[in-house]
Amino acid sequence: MPTNDHPSPSDQKRPRGRPFAKGNGGRKLGARNRASLLADALLEGEEEELVRKGIELAKAGDPQMLKFFLDRILSKERPVKIDLPLIESRRDLVAAYAAIVQAVGAGEISPSEGNAVAGLLASIAKFIDDVEIDARLRKMEEQLKYLQAKS
């Protein structure tokens, strides 16, 4: 019979979906599941032969093997060349975004590539903001120290 001070283990309900303590996912970092370990054990020493066989099948015209190898060999992304201005401040970003829009409009890059480059510019804008805020904060701290020393 449980006392009020010590409830029985069945009375202590864990929240659903959280069988482990917060921050403990249950599996050690880098630990692999049983299926992966079993597959590795079965394929040990066979990797080279399997790759050779896959290449033979691809060369013989097997469409699935061709797709498998080409997906891993060929790059899915291509380098994007755009003439962007040097970006030293937020004002320079306007011209950079305009260059991206112009390149997309002219068909030099795809809209998704333009979007990716614009995402990089957004990261640069955030970085510039952080640097400017840090500079302002340092200046204010120096002024506060000066005023405190003066009084």
N, C-alpha and C. Protein backbone atom coordinates (compact mmCIF):
# COMPACT_ATOMS: atom_id res chain seq x y z
N MET A 1 0.84 -1.18 0.00
CA MET A 1 0.00 0.00 0.00
C MET A 1 0.89 1.24 0.00
N PRO A 2 0.81 2.10 -1.01
CA PRO A 2 1.67 3.27 -1.09
C PRO A 2 1.24 4.33 -0.09
N THR A 3 2.25 5.01 0.37
CA THR A 3 1.98 6.14 1.27
C THR A 3 1.93 7.41 0.45
N ASN A 4 1.50 8.48 1.07
CA ASN A 4 1.43 9.77 0.35
C ASN A 4 2.80 10.28 -0.02
N ASP A 5 3.81 9.91 0.81
CA ASP A 5 5.17 10.39 0.53
C ASP A 5 5.82 9.66 -0.64
N HIS A 6 5.47 8.39 -0.82
CA HIS A 6 6.12 7.59 -1.86
C HIS A 6 5.06 6.88 -2.69
N PRO A 7 4.63 7.48 -3.80
CA PRO A 7 3.64 6.79 -4.64
C PRO A 7 4.25 5.58 -5.32
N SER A 8 3.43 4.58 -5.62
CA SER A 8 3.92 3.37 -6.27
C SER A 8 4.34 3.71 -7.70
N PRO A 9 5.23 2.89 -8.27
CA PRO A 9 5.69 3.16 -9.64
C PRO A 9 4.56 3.20 -10.66
N SER A 10 3.51 2.43 -10.44
CA SER A 10 2.40 2.44 -11.40
C SER A 10 1.62 3.75 -11.33
N ASP A 11 1.69 4.44 -10.19
CA ASP A 11 1.01 5.72 -10.04
C ASP A 11 1.76 6.85 -10.75
N GLN A 12 3.05 6.67 -10.93
CA GLN A 12 3.86 7.71 -11.58
C GLN A 12 3.75 7.54 -13.08
N LYS A 13 2.95 8.35 -13.72
CA LYS A 13 2.76 8.26 -15.17
C LYS A 13 3.77 9.16 -15.87
N ARG A 14 4.42 8.61 -16.88
CA ARG A 14 5.31 9.42 -17.69
C ARG A 14 4.50 10.07 -18.78
N PRO A 15 4.85 11.29 -19.17
CA PRO A 15 4.09 11.92 -20.25
C PRO A 15 4.22 11.10 -21.53
N ARG A 16 3.16 11.03 -22.26
CA ARG A 16 3.14 10.26 -23.48
C ARG A 16 4.18 10.77 -24.46
N GLY A 17 4.93 9.86 -25.04
CA GLY A 17 5.94 10.22 -26.03
C GLY A 17 7.26 10.64 -25.41
N ARG A 18 7.34 10.66 -24.10
CA ARG A 18 8.58 11.05 -23.43
C ARG A 18 8.97 10.00 -22.39
N PRO A 19 9.44 8.85 -22.84
CA PRO A 19 9.83 7.83 -21.87
C PRO A 19 11.16 8.14 -21.19
N PHE A 20 11.92 9.08 -21.72
CA PHE A 20 13.24 9.40 -21.18
C PHE A 20 13.23 10.81 -20.62
N ALA A 21 14.22 11.09 -19.81
CA ALA A 21 14.36 12.43 -19.23
C ALA A 21 14.60 13.43 -20.35
N LYS A 22 14.23 14.68 -20.10
CA LYS A 22 14.40 15.73 -21.10
C LYS A 22 15.87 15.82 -21.48
N GLY A 23 16.13 15.87 -22.77
CA GLY A 23 17.50 15.94 -23.27
C GLY A 23 18.12 14.57 -23.52
N ASN A 24 17.47 13.50 -23.10
CA ASN A 24 17.97 12.15 -23.30
C ASN A 24 17.08 11.48 -24.34
N GLY A 25 17.58 11.32 -25.53
CA GLY A 25 16.79 10.71 -26.60
C GLY A 25 16.69 9.21 -26.48
N GLY A 26 17.43 8.61 -25.57
CA GLY A 26 17.34 7.18 -25.37
C GLY A 26 18.44 6.39 -26.05
N ARG A 27 18.88 6.83 -27.19
CA ARG A 27 19.94 6.13 -27.92
C ARG A 27 21.19 6.98 -27.89
N LYS A 28 22.31 6.36 -27.64
CA LYS A 28 23.57 7.11 -27.59
C LYS A 28 23.88 7.67 -28.97
N LEU A 29 24.51 8.81 -28.99
CA LEU A 29 24.87 9.46 -30.23
C LEU A 29 25.75 8.53 -31.07
N GLY A 30 25.36 8.32 -32.30
CA GLY A 30 26.13 7.46 -33.20
C GLY A 30 25.76 5.99 -33.12
N ALA A 31 24.88 5.63 -32.18
CA ALA A 31 24.46 4.23 -32.07
C ALA A 31 23.60 3.86 -33.27
N ARG A 32 23.76 2.64 -33.76
CA ARG A 32 23.03 2.21 -34.95
C ARG A 32 22.01 1.15 -34.58
N ASN A 33 20.94 1.09 -35.35
CA ASN A 33 19.91 0.10 -35.04
C ASN A 33 20.33 -1.29 -35.50
N ARG A 34 19.58 -2.28 -35.06
CA ARG A 34 19.92 -3.67 -35.33
C ARG A 34 19.95 -3.99 -36.81
N ALA A 35 19.02 -3.44 -37.57
CA ALA A 35 18.96 -3.74 -39.00
C ALA A 35 20.21 -3.25 -39.72
N SER A 36 20.69 -2.05 -39.37
CA SER A 36 21.91 -1.52 -39.99
C SER A 36 23.12 -2.37 -39.63
N LEU A 37 23.20 -2.79 -38.38
CA LEU A 37 24.32 -3.63 -37.96
C LEU A 37 24.31 -4.98 -38.68
N LEU A 38 23.12 -5.55 -38.83
CA LEU A 38 22.98 -6.84 -39.51
C LEU A 38 23.36 -6.70 -40.99
N ALA A 39 22.88 -5.64 -41.64
CA ALA A 39 23.20 -5.43 -43.05
C ALA A 39 24.70 -5.25 -43.24
N ASP A 40 25.34 -4.51 -42.35
CA ASP A 40 26.79 -4.33 -42.44
C ASP A 40 27.52 -5.66 -42.29
N ALA A 41 27.05 -6.47 -41.36
CA ALA A 41 27.70 -7.77 -41.14
C ALA A 41 27.54 -8.67 -42.37
N LEU A 42 26.38 -8.66 -43.00
CA LEU A 42 26.15 -9.50 -44.17
C LEU A 42 26.95 -9.03 -45.39
N LEU A 43 27.12 -7.71 -45.52
CA LEU A 43 27.80 -7.17 -46.69
C LEU A 43 29.31 -7.03 -46.51
N GLU A 44 29.81 -7.33 -45.34
CA GLU A 44 31.24 -7.15 -45.06
C GLU A 44 32.07 -7.95 -46.06
N GLY A 45 32.97 -7.27 -46.75
CA GLY A 45 33.83 -7.91 -47.73
C GLY A 45 33.21 -8.04 -49.11
N GLU A 46 31.95 -7.69 -49.26
CA GLU A 46 31.26 -7.85 -50.53
C GLU A 46 31.07 -6.52 -51.26
N GLU A 47 31.46 -5.41 -50.64
CA GLU A 47 31.17 -4.10 -51.21
C GLU A 47 31.74 -3.93 -52.61
N GLU A 48 33.00 -4.29 -52.78
CA GLU A 48 33.67 -4.09 -54.05
C GLU A 48 32.99 -4.90 -55.16
N GLU A 49 32.66 -6.14 -54.86
CA GLU A 49 32.01 -7.00 -55.85
C GLU A 49 30.62 -6.47 -56.22
N LEU A 50 29.89 -5.98 -55.23
CA LEU A 50 28.55 -5.43 -55.48
C LEU A 50 28.62 -4.18 -56.35
N VAL A 51 29.58 -3.32 -56.08
CA VAL A 51 29.72 -2.10 -56.89
C VAL A 51 30.09 -2.47 -58.33
N ARG A 52 31.00 -3.44 -58.47
CA ARG A 52 31.38 -3.89 -59.82
C ARG A 52 30.17 -4.43 -60.58
N LYS A 53 29.36 -5.23 -59.90
CA LYS A 53 28.17 -5.81 -60.52
C LYS A 53 27.18 -4.71 -60.91
N GLY A 54 27.02 -3.72 -60.02
CA GLY A 54 26.13 -2.60 -60.32
C GLY A 54 26.59 -1.84 -61.55
N ILE A 55 27.89 -1.63 -61.66
CA ILE A 55 28.44 -0.93 -62.84
C ILE A 55 28.22 -1.76 -64.10
N GLU A 56 28.43 -3.07 -64.00
CA GLU A 56 28.19 -3.95 -65.16
C GLU A 56 26.73 -3.85 -65.62
N LEU A 57 25.81 -3.89 -64.65
CA LEU A 57 24.39 -3.80 -65.00
C LEU A 57 24.06 -2.45 -65.64
N ALA A 58 24.64 -1.39 -65.10
CA ALA A 58 24.40 -0.06 -65.66
C ALA A 58 24.92 0.03 -67.08
N LYS A 59 26.12 -0.51 -67.30
CA LYS A 59 26.70 -0.50 -68.65
C LYS A 59 25.89 -1.35 -69.62
N ALA A 60 25.25 -2.40 -69.10
CA ALA A 60 24.44 -3.27 -69.95
C ALA A 60 23.08 -2.64 -70.27
N GLY A 61 22.79 -1.48 -69.64
CA GLY A 61 21.57 -0.77 -69.97
C GLY A 61 20.46 -0.88 -68.94
N ASP A 62 20.73 -1.41 -67.77
CA ASP A 62 19.72 -1.51 -66.72
C ASP A 62 19.34 -0.09 -66.29
N PRO A 63 18.08 0.33 -66.56
CA PRO A 63 17.70 1.73 -66.30
C PRO A 63 17.75 2.11 -64.82
N GLN A 64 17.42 1.17 -63.94
CA GLN A 64 17.47 1.51 -62.51
C GLN A 64 18.89 1.70 -62.02
N MET A 65 19.80 0.85 -62.49
CA MET A 65 21.21 1.00 -62.08
C MET A 65 21.82 2.26 -62.69
N LEU A 66 21.45 2.55 -63.95
CA LEU A 66 21.93 3.79 -64.58
C LEU A 66 21.50 5.00 -63.76
N LYS A 67 20.22 5.03 -63.40
CA LYS A 67 19.69 6.14 -62.61
C LYS A 67 20.40 6.21 -61.26
N PHE A 68 20.58 5.07 -60.61
CA PHE A 68 21.24 5.01 -59.31
C PHE A 68 22.63 5.64 -59.37
N PHE A 69 23.44 5.21 -60.34
CA PHE A 69 24.81 5.73 -60.44
C PHE A 69 24.85 7.18 -60.90
N LEU A 70 24.02 7.54 -61.88
CA LEU A 70 24.04 8.91 -62.37
C LEU A 70 23.57 9.90 -61.32
N ASP A 71 22.60 9.51 -60.49
CA ASP A 71 22.15 10.39 -59.41
C ASP A 71 23.27 10.68 -58.42
N ARG A 72 24.17 9.75 -58.25
CA ARG A 72 25.25 9.94 -57.29
C ARG A 72 26.49 10.58 -57.91
N ILE A 73 26.64 10.42 -59.21
CA ILE A 73 27.84 10.95 -59.88
C ILE A 73 27.63 12.38 -60.35
N LEU A 74 26.49 12.63 -61.00
CA LEU A 74 26.25 13.95 -61.57
C LEU A 74 25.80 14.93 -60.49
N SER A 75 26.31 16.13 -60.57
CA SER A 75 25.94 17.17 -59.61
C SER A 75 24.51 17.62 -59.88
N LYS A 76 23.74 17.78 -58.82
CA LYS A 76 22.36 18.24 -58.98
C LYS A 76 22.30 19.76 -59.10
N GLU A 77 23.32 20.41 -58.60
CA GLU A 77 23.35 21.87 -58.67
C GLU A 77 24.49 22.30 -59.58
N ARG A 78 24.27 23.39 -60.25
CA ARG A 78 25.32 23.93 -61.09
C ARG A 78 25.78 25.24 -60.49
N PRO A 79 27.00 25.63 -60.77
CA PRO A 79 27.46 26.92 -60.26
C PRO A 79 26.67 28.05 -60.89
N VAL A 80 26.34 29.05 -60.10
CA VAL A 80 25.57 30.19 -60.57
C VAL A 80 26.53 31.37 -60.68
N LYS A 81 26.56 31.97 -61.87
CA LYS A 81 27.43 33.14 -62.08
C LYS A 81 26.56 34.37 -62.25
N ILE A 82 26.71 35.29 -61.30
CA ILE A 82 25.99 36.56 -61.35
C ILE A 82 26.99 37.64 -60.95
N ASP A 83 26.97 38.74 -61.66
CA ASP A 83 27.82 39.87 -61.28
C ASP A 83 27.11 40.65 -60.19
N LEU A 84 27.53 40.43 -58.95
CA LEU A 84 26.95 41.14 -57.81
C LEU A 84 27.91 42.24 -57.37
N PRO A 85 27.37 43.35 -56.91
CA PRO A 85 28.26 44.41 -56.42
C PRO A 85 28.90 43.98 -55.10
N LEU A 86 29.98 44.64 -54.74
CA LEU A 86 30.62 44.41 -53.45
C LEU A 86 29.64 44.84 -52.37
N ILE A 87 29.42 44.00 -51.39
CA ILE A 87 28.44 44.29 -50.35
C ILE A 87 29.18 44.65 -49.06
N GLU A 88 29.13 45.93 -48.72
CA GLU A 88 29.78 46.40 -47.49
C GLU A 88 28.77 46.94 -46.48
N SER A 89 27.59 47.29 -46.97
CA SER A 89 26.55 47.80 -46.07
C SER A 89 25.19 47.37 -46.60
N ARG A 90 24.16 47.71 -45.81
CA ARG A 90 22.79 47.35 -46.21
C ARG A 90 22.40 48.00 -47.53
N ARG A 91 22.91 49.20 -47.81
CA ARG A 91 22.56 49.90 -49.05
C ARG A 91 23.00 49.12 -50.28
N ASP A 92 24.10 48.39 -50.17
CA ASP A 92 24.62 47.62 -51.31
C ASP A 92 23.73 46.43 -51.64
N LEU A 93 22.91 46.00 -50.69
CA LEU A 93 22.05 44.85 -50.91
C LEU A 93 20.96 45.12 -51.94
N VAL A 94 20.51 46.36 -52.03
CA VAL A 94 19.46 46.71 -52.99
C VAL A 94 19.95 46.43 -54.41
N ALA A 95 21.17 46.86 -54.71
CA ALA A 95 21.73 46.62 -56.05
C ALA A 95 21.96 45.13 -56.28
N ALA A 96 22.33 44.40 -55.23
CA ALA A 96 22.57 42.96 -55.37
C ALA A 96 21.25 42.23 -55.67
N TYR A 97 20.19 42.59 -54.95
CA TYR A 97 18.89 41.97 -55.23
C TYR A 97 18.42 42.32 -56.65
N ALA A 98 18.67 43.55 -57.08
CA ALA A 98 18.29 43.95 -58.44
C ALA A 98 19.03 43.12 -59.48
N ALA A 99 20.31 42.82 -59.22
CA ALA A 99 21.09 42.01 -60.15
C ALA A 99 20.53 40.60 -60.24
N ILE A 100 20.05 40.07 -59.12
CA ILE A 100 19.45 38.72 -59.13
C ILE A 100 18.17 38.73 -59.96
N VAL A 101 17.32 39.72 -59.72
CA VAL A 101 16.06 39.80 -60.47
C VAL A 101 16.34 39.95 -61.96
N GLN A 102 17.31 40.75 -62.30
CA GLN A 102 17.67 40.95 -63.71
C GLN A 102 18.16 39.64 -64.33
N ALA A 103 19.00 38.89 -63.59
CA ALA A 103 19.53 37.62 -64.12
C ALA A 103 18.41 36.60 -64.32
N VAL A 104 17.45 36.55 -63.39
CA VAL A 104 16.32 35.64 -63.54
C VAL A 104 15.46 36.06 -64.73
N GLY A 105 15.22 37.37 -64.84
CA GLY A 105 14.41 37.88 -65.94
C GLY A 105 15.03 37.64 -67.30
N ALA A 106 16.35 37.69 -67.37
CA ALA A 106 17.05 37.47 -68.63
C ALA A 106 17.23 35.99 -68.94
N GLY A 107 16.86 35.11 -68.01
CA GLY A 107 16.99 33.68 -68.23
C GLY A 107 18.40 33.16 -67.99
N GLU A 108 19.25 33.97 -67.39
CA GLU A 108 20.63 33.53 -67.12
C GLU A 108 20.65 32.50 -65.99
N ILE A 109 19.73 32.64 -65.04
CA ILE A 109 19.60 31.67 -63.95
C ILE A 109 18.12 31.35 -63.77
N SER A 110 17.84 30.22 -63.19
CA SER A 110 16.44 29.83 -62.96
C SER A 110 15.90 30.58 -61.73
N PRO A 111 14.58 30.66 -61.61
CA PRO A 111 14.01 31.31 -60.43
C PRO A 111 14.44 30.64 -59.12
N SER A 112 14.58 29.31 -59.10
CA SER A 112 15.01 28.64 -57.87
C SER A 112 16.47 28.99 -57.54
N GLU A 113 17.29 29.13 -58.57
CA GLU A 113 18.68 29.54 -58.32
C GLU A 113 18.72 30.98 -57.82
N GLY A 114 17.88 31.84 -58.39
CA GLY A 114 17.80 33.22 -57.90
C GLY A 114 17.34 33.26 -56.46
N ASN A 115 16.39 32.41 -56.12
CA ASN A 115 15.91 32.34 -54.75
C ASN A 115 17.02 31.90 -53.79
N ALA A 116 17.84 30.95 -54.22
CA ALA A 116 18.95 30.48 -53.39
C ALA A 116 19.97 31.59 -53.16
N VAL A 117 20.30 32.34 -54.20
CA VAL A 117 21.25 33.44 -54.06
C VAL A 117 20.65 34.54 -53.18
N ALA A 118 19.35 34.81 -53.35
CA ALA A 118 18.68 35.81 -52.51
C ALA A 118 18.71 35.38 -51.04
N GLY A 119 18.61 34.08 -50.80
CA GLY A 119 18.73 33.58 -49.43
C GLY A 119 20.10 33.85 -48.84
N LEU A 120 21.13 33.73 -49.66
CA LEU A 120 22.48 34.07 -49.19
C LEU A 120 22.57 35.56 -48.85
N LEU A 121 21.96 36.37 -49.69
CA LEU A 121 21.97 37.81 -49.41
C LEU A 121 21.22 38.13 -48.12
N ALA A 122 20.14 37.41 -47.86
CA ALA A 122 19.40 37.62 -46.61
C ALA A 122 20.27 37.28 -45.41
N SER A 123 21.09 36.24 -45.54
CA SER A 123 22.02 35.89 -44.46
C SER A 123 23.07 36.98 -44.27
N ILE A 124 23.54 37.53 -45.38
CA ILE A 124 24.51 38.62 -45.30
C ILE A 124 23.87 39.83 -44.64
N ALA A 125 22.62 40.12 -44.96
CA ALA A 125 21.91 41.26 -44.36
C ALA A 125 21.81 41.08 -42.86
N LYS A 126 21.50 39.88 -42.42
CA LYS A 126 21.41 39.61 -40.98
C LYS A 126 22.77 39.80 -40.32
N PHE A 127 23.81 39.33 -40.98
CA PHE A 127 25.16 39.48 -40.45
C PHE A 127 25.53 40.96 -40.33
N ILE A 128 25.21 41.74 -41.36
CA ILE A 128 25.49 43.18 -41.32
C ILE A 128 24.72 43.82 -40.17
N ASP A 129 23.45 43.45 -39.99
CA ASP A 129 22.67 43.98 -38.87
C ASP A 129 23.32 43.66 -37.54
N ASP A 130 23.76 42.42 -37.39
CA ASP A 130 24.40 42.00 -36.14
C ASP A 130 25.66 42.80 -35.86
N VAL A 131 26.46 43.03 -36.89
CA VAL A 131 27.70 43.79 -36.73
C VAL A 131 27.38 45.24 -36.35
N GLU A 132 26.38 45.83 -37.02
CA GLU A 132 26.01 47.22 -36.71
C GLU A 132 25.46 47.35 -35.29
N ILE A 133 24.64 46.40 -34.86
CA ILE A 133 24.09 46.43 -33.50
C ILE A 133 25.20 46.27 -32.48
N ASP A 134 26.14 45.38 -32.77
CA ASP A 134 27.28 45.19 -31.86
C ASP A 134 28.09 46.47 -31.74
N ALA A 135 28.32 47.15 -32.86
CA ALA A 135 29.09 48.40 -32.83
C ALA A 135 28.35 49.46 -32.01
N ARG A 136 27.03 49.58 -32.21
CA ARG A 136 26.24 50.55 -31.44
C ARG A 136 26.28 50.23 -29.95
N LEU A 137 26.17 48.96 -29.61
CA LEU A 137 26.19 48.55 -28.21
C LEU A 137 27.54 48.88 -27.57
N ARG A 138 28.62 48.60 -28.27
CA ARG A 138 29.95 48.93 -27.74
C ARG A 138 30.09 50.43 -27.51
N LYS A 139 29.59 51.22 -28.46
CA LYS A 139 29.68 52.68 -28.33
C LYS A 139 28.89 53.15 -27.12
N MET A 140 27.68 52.60 -26.93
CA MET A 140 26.86 52.98 -25.78
C MET A 140 27.52 52.57 -24.46
N GLU A 141 28.14 51.40 -24.45
CA GLU A 141 28.83 50.95 -23.23
C GLU A 141 30.01 51.87 -22.90
N GLU A 142 30.74 52.30 -23.93
CA GLU A 142 31.85 53.23 -23.72
C GLU A 142 31.35 54.56 -23.17
N GLN A 143 30.23 55.05 -23.74
CA GLN A 143 29.66 56.31 -23.26
C GLN A 143 29.19 56.17 -21.82
N LEU A 144 28.61 55.04 -21.47
CA LEU A 144 28.14 54.81 -20.11
C LEU A 144 29.32 54.77 -19.14
N LYS A 145 30.40 54.09 -19.52
CA LYS A 145 31.58 54.05 -18.68
C LYS A 145 32.16 55.45 -18.48
N TYR A 146 32.17 56.23 -19.56
CA TYR A 146 32.68 57.60 -19.48
C TYR A 146 31.83 58.43 -18.52
N LEU A 147 30.51 58.32 -18.64
CA LEU A 147 29.60 59.09 -17.77
C LEU A 147 29.72 58.62 -16.32
N GLN A 148 29.89 57.33 -16.09
CA GLN A 148 30.03 56.83 -14.74
C GLN A 148 31.35 57.29 -14.12
N ALA A 149 32.40 57.32 -14.91
CA ALA A 149 33.72 57.77 -14.41
C ALA A 149 33.70 59.27 -14.16
N LYS A 150 32.94 59.99 -14.93
CA LYS A 150 32.85 61.44 -14.81
C LYS A 150 32.08 61.85 -13.55
N SER A 151 31.09 61.04 -13.15
CA SER A 151 30.29 61.44 -11.98
C SER A 151 30.80 60.91 -10.67
